[in-house]
Amino acid sequence: KTHTIQKFNMEISLGDKTYHVQTEDGGAKNPVVTTHIYQKGRIVHSAKTDYSDIISAADLAGKLKELMETQHKRAIDEFSVKHEMDRKKTEYFNSVKKLIGIRNNKQALRILEDAMNELPDDPFVISYYGYLKAIVDKKYDEGIKACRLVIERISPEATEYERSLYATFYLNLGKAHLAAGDRKSAIDAFDGGLKVDENNRDILWEIRKLGARIKPFLSFLSRNNPSN
């Protein structure tokens, strides 16, 4: 029985960007339906389904077409939801960064409280919420706990780029400790952040403001590093 390989292609637009969606059948030797969503040639979302359990079905062609159509639509729906969440996250953080920059921490916290309702598992939302909860509302334990929670979720398999972003989480934890008057824990947090990104300017600036000389210097950095 001939196994005809099928393929679906279409373009979708989300916001001001266009994406190419391709769903294809791997064939009898590789019975997997794969959907990739591309943006300028880069894969931004994928989905796969193994259909080896129906490879011998008499009506394989019909079942395979239905499977491909279902996965094609589901992948688009899932990516659309993710795209919308990313858009909201960007809007939240553009607002939060601007407000923090002009020292309107209270309004920044109010925005993050809204963000916590829509993006309750987002690490950046949680970390900044914790830092500002300590700074603005003086809820030190709650704020520090939120900042620590994000750090504890850091995956050891993270890429170098992802891990460099985690320095921000240590920065926020350190600031939360400073708000609580715990200088030693703040320094330990900044220390942790520099182990991830030794040239993080925000952390180095916080250490300079503290005037701290740690153990008596940060041993994992060279003595020529600005922090030492």
Protein backbone atom coordinates (compact mmCIF):
# COMPACT_ATOMS: atom_id res chain seq x y z
CA LYS A 1 0.00 0.00 0.00
CA THR A 2 1.42 3.39 -1.05
CA HIS A 3 1.96 5.94 1.70
CA THR A 4 1.56 9.38 0.17
CA ILE A 5 3.46 12.04 2.11
CA GLN A 6 1.37 15.15 2.76
CA LYS A 7 2.30 18.71 3.63
CA PHE A 8 0.34 21.82 4.68
CA ASN A 9 1.67 25.37 4.35
CA MET A 10 0.15 28.73 5.19
CA GLU A 11 1.04 32.26 6.30
CA ILE A 12 -0.37 33.91 9.42
CA SER A 13 -0.03 37.47 10.72
CA LEU A 14 0.22 38.35 14.39
CA GLY A 15 0.68 41.99 15.23
CA ASP A 16 3.07 43.45 12.67
CA LYS A 17 4.85 40.14 11.96
CA THR A 18 4.18 37.38 9.44
CA TYR A 19 4.84 33.73 10.21
CA HIS A 20 5.03 30.68 7.96
CA VAL A 21 3.33 27.54 9.29
CA GLN A 22 4.32 24.17 7.85
CA THR A 23 2.93 20.78 8.85
CA GLU A 24 4.36 17.70 7.20
CA ASP A 25 4.23 13.93 7.39
CA GLY A 26 7.50 12.08 7.93
CA GLY A 27 6.31 9.07 5.89
CA ALA A 28 6.16 5.35 6.59
CA LYS A 29 9.79 5.17 7.71
CA ASN A 30 9.32 8.08 10.11
CA PRO A 31 5.63 8.12 11.13
CA VAL A 32 5.64 11.53 12.79
CA VAL A 33 3.60 14.61 11.97
CA THR A 34 5.69 17.74 12.54
CA THR A 35 4.54 21.34 12.61
CA HIS A 36 7.04 24.20 12.54
CA ILE A 37 6.22 27.89 12.70
CA TYR A 38 8.90 30.08 11.15
CA GLN A 39 9.65 33.77 11.40
CA LYS A 40 12.28 34.96 8.91
CA GLY A 41 13.53 31.40 8.51
CA ARG A 42 13.90 30.78 12.26
CA ILE A 43 11.76 28.18 14.01
CA VAL A 44 9.80 29.90 16.78
CA HIS A 45 7.35 27.11 17.66
CA SER A 46 7.11 23.36 17.05
CA ALA A 47 4.74 20.46 17.63
CA LYS A 48 5.11 16.73 16.93
CA THR A 49 2.82 13.68 17.00
CA ASP A 50 3.90 10.06 16.53
CA TYR A 51 1.27 8.10 14.59
CA SER A 52 2.99 4.71 14.47
CA ASP A 53 -0.01 3.26 16.30
CA ILE A 54 -2.24 3.81 13.24
CA ILE A 55 0.33 3.16 10.49
CA SER A 56 -1.44 -0.08 9.48
CA ALA A 57 -4.97 1.32 9.56
CA ALA A 58 -7.05 0.69 6.44
CA ASP A 59 -8.15 4.32 6.34
CA LEU A 60 -4.70 5.72 7.15
CA ALA A 61 -4.91 8.50 4.57
CA GLY A 62 -8.10 9.91 6.08
CA LYS A 63 -6.88 9.60 9.68
CA LEU A 64 -3.54 11.13 8.80
CA LYS A 65 -5.16 14.09 7.07
CA GLU A 66 -7.38 14.67 10.10
CA LEU A 67 -4.39 14.41 12.44
CA MET A 68 -2.39 16.89 10.39
CA GLU A 69 -5.26 19.37 10.17
CA THR A 70 -5.87 19.13 13.93
CA GLN A 71 -2.21 19.59 14.82
CA HIS A 72 -1.79 22.41 12.30
CA LYS A 73 -4.67 24.35 13.86
CA ARG A 74 -3.64 23.53 17.45
CA ALA A 75 -0.06 24.70 16.85
CA ILE A 76 -1.33 28.01 15.46
CA ASP A 77 -3.70 28.45 18.41
CA GLU A 78 -0.96 27.65 20.95
CA PHE A 79 1.51 30.00 19.29
CA SER A 80 -1.10 32.76 19.06
CA VAL A 81 -1.71 32.52 22.83
CA LYS A 82 2.03 32.55 23.52
CA HIS A 83 2.48 35.52 21.18
CA GLU A 84 -0.24 37.46 23.00
CA MET A 85 1.32 36.67 26.40
CA ASP A 86 4.73 37.81 25.14
CA ARG A 87 3.15 41.02 23.83
CA LYS A 88 1.54 41.70 27.20
CA LYS A 89 4.77 40.90 28.99
CA THR A 90 6.66 43.37 26.79
CA GLU A 91 4.08 46.07 27.44
CA TYR A 92 4.22 45.44 31.20
CA PHE A 93 7.99 45.62 31.35
CA ASN A 94 8.31 48.65 29.14
CA SER A 95 5.98 50.42 31.57
CA VAL A 96 7.68 49.02 34.68
CA LYS A 97 11.19 49.92 33.53
CA LYS A 98 10.10 53.44 32.65
CA LEU A 99 8.42 53.92 36.03
CA ILE A 100 11.39 52.51 37.96
CA GLY A 101 13.64 54.83 35.94
CA ILE A 102 11.71 57.87 37.16
CA ARG A 103 11.50 56.37 40.69
CA ASN A 104 7.76 55.80 40.59
CA ASN A 105 8.10 52.40 42.24
CA LYS A 106 4.59 52.49 43.65
CA GLN A 107 2.94 52.65 40.24
CA ALA A 108 5.38 50.05 38.88
CA LEU A 109 4.27 47.67 41.64
CA ARG A 110 0.60 48.28 40.83
CA ILE A 111 1.28 47.32 37.21
CA LEU A 112 3.10 44.16 38.31
CA GLU A 113 0.19 43.20 40.53
CA ASP A 114 -1.96 43.20 37.39
CA ALA A 115 0.75 41.25 35.57
CA MET A 116 0.76 38.61 38.33
CA ASN A 117 -2.89 37.89 37.52
CA GLU A 118 -2.19 37.36 33.81
CA LEU A 119 1.37 35.94 33.95
CA PRO A 120 1.55 34.23 37.36
CA ASP A 121 4.39 31.88 36.37
CA ASP A 122 6.59 34.32 34.52
CA PRO A 123 9.98 34.56 36.30
CA PHE A 124 10.58 38.22 35.48
CA VAL A 125 7.13 39.24 36.69
CA ILE A 126 7.63 37.31 39.95
CA SER A 127 11.15 38.64 40.54
CA TYR A 128 10.33 42.30 39.93
CA TYR A 129 7.10 41.94 41.90
CA GLY A 130 9.08 40.58 44.87
CA TYR A 131 11.69 43.33 44.71
CA LEU A 132 9.08 46.08 44.53
CA LYS A 133 6.89 44.46 47.19
CA ALA A 134 9.83 44.83 49.58
CA ILE A 135 10.73 48.35 48.44
CA VAL A 136 7.24 49.86 48.27
CA ASP A 137 5.00 47.93 50.66
CA LYS A 138 7.75 46.97 53.13
CA LYS A 139 6.60 43.34 52.81
CA TYR A 140 10.16 42.12 53.14
CA ASP A 141 9.54 38.43 53.78
CA GLU A 142 7.01 38.17 50.95
CA GLY A 143 9.26 40.04 48.54
CA ILE A 144 12.40 38.06 49.38
CA LYS A 145 10.48 34.79 49.14
CA ALA A 146 9.25 35.69 45.63
CA CYS A 147 12.76 36.64 44.48
CA ARG A 148 14.21 33.42 45.89
CA LEU A 149 11.50 31.31 44.27
CA VAL A 150 12.59 32.45 40.81
CA ILE A 151 16.25 31.67 41.49
CA GLU A 152 15.40 28.20 42.79
CA ARG A 153 13.69 27.46 39.47
CA ILE A 154 16.80 28.22 37.43
CA SER A 155 17.58 25.22 35.25
CA PRO A 156 21.18 23.96 35.21
CA GLU A 157 20.59 23.12 31.52
CA ALA A 158 19.92 26.77 30.65
CA THR A 159 21.89 28.30 27.80
CA GLU A 160 24.66 30.81 28.51
CA TYR A 161 22.40 33.63 27.30
CA GLU A 162 19.53 32.52 29.57
CA ARG A 163 21.84 32.24 32.56
CA SER A 164 23.16 35.77 31.95
CA LEU A 165 19.61 37.03 32.35
CA TYR A 166 19.36 35.34 35.73
CA ALA A 167 21.81 37.88 37.15
CA THR A 168 18.82 40.23 37.20
CA PHE A 169 17.03 37.86 39.57
CA TYR A 170 19.97 37.99 42.01
CA LEU A 171 20.05 41.77 41.63
CA ASN A 172 16.38 42.00 42.61
CA LEU A 173 16.91 39.63 45.54
CA GLY A 174 19.82 41.72 46.74
CA LYS A 175 17.76 44.90 46.54
CA ALA A 176 14.94 43.24 48.48
CA HIS A 177 17.43 42.30 51.22
CA LEU A 178 18.77 45.85 51.28
CA ALA A 179 15.24 47.16 51.72
CA ALA A 180 14.94 44.85 54.74
CA GLY A 181 18.22 46.20 56.13
CA ASP A 182 20.05 42.89 55.65
CA ARG A 183 23.34 44.02 54.12
CA LYS A 184 25.08 40.64 54.42
CA SER A 185 22.33 38.75 52.58
CA ALA A 186 22.26 41.48 49.94
CA ILE A 187 25.99 41.07 49.32
CA ASP A 188 25.55 37.29 49.11
CA ALA A 189 22.83 37.79 46.49
CA PHE A 190 24.98 40.19 44.45
CA ASP A 191 27.82 37.68 44.80
CA GLY A 192 25.55 35.02 43.27
CA GLY A 193 24.61 37.31 40.41
CA LEU A 194 28.24 38.03 39.54
CA LYS A 195 28.95 34.31 39.40
CA VAL A 196 26.43 34.19 36.58
CA ASP A 197 27.46 37.45 34.88
CA GLU A 198 30.65 38.95 36.30
CA ASN A 199 30.31 42.14 34.26
CA ASN A 200 26.71 42.94 35.20
CA ARG A 201 26.81 46.72 35.54
CA ASP A 202 23.76 47.02 37.76
CA ILE A 203 25.14 44.58 40.32
CA LEU A 204 28.62 46.15 40.22
CA TRP A 205 27.01 49.55 40.80
CA GLU A 206 25.08 48.25 43.83
CA ILE A 207 28.29 46.82 45.30
CA ARG A 208 30.13 50.09 44.75
CA LYS A 209 27.34 51.97 46.50
CA LEU A 210 27.68 49.59 49.43
CA GLY A 211 31.42 50.18 49.51
CA ALA A 212 31.76 46.50 50.32
CA ARG A 213 35.05 44.64 50.21
CA ILE A 214 33.98 41.02 50.23
CA LYS A 215 36.06 38.17 51.76
CA PRO A 216 38.14 40.54 51.28
CA PHE A 217 37.37 40.51 47.53
CA LEU A 218 35.19 38.52 45.13
CA SER A 219 37.45 35.50 44.72
CA PHE A 220 35.81 34.17 41.55
CA LEU A 221 36.66 37.42 39.72
CA SER A 222 40.05 38.60 38.61
CA ARG A 223 41.63 41.31 40.75
CA ASN A 224 41.39 43.57 37.70
CA ASN A 225 37.60 43.31 37.62
CA PRO A 226 35.98 46.66 38.52
CA SER A 227 34.18 45.06 41.45
CA ASN A 228 37.50 44.14 43.08
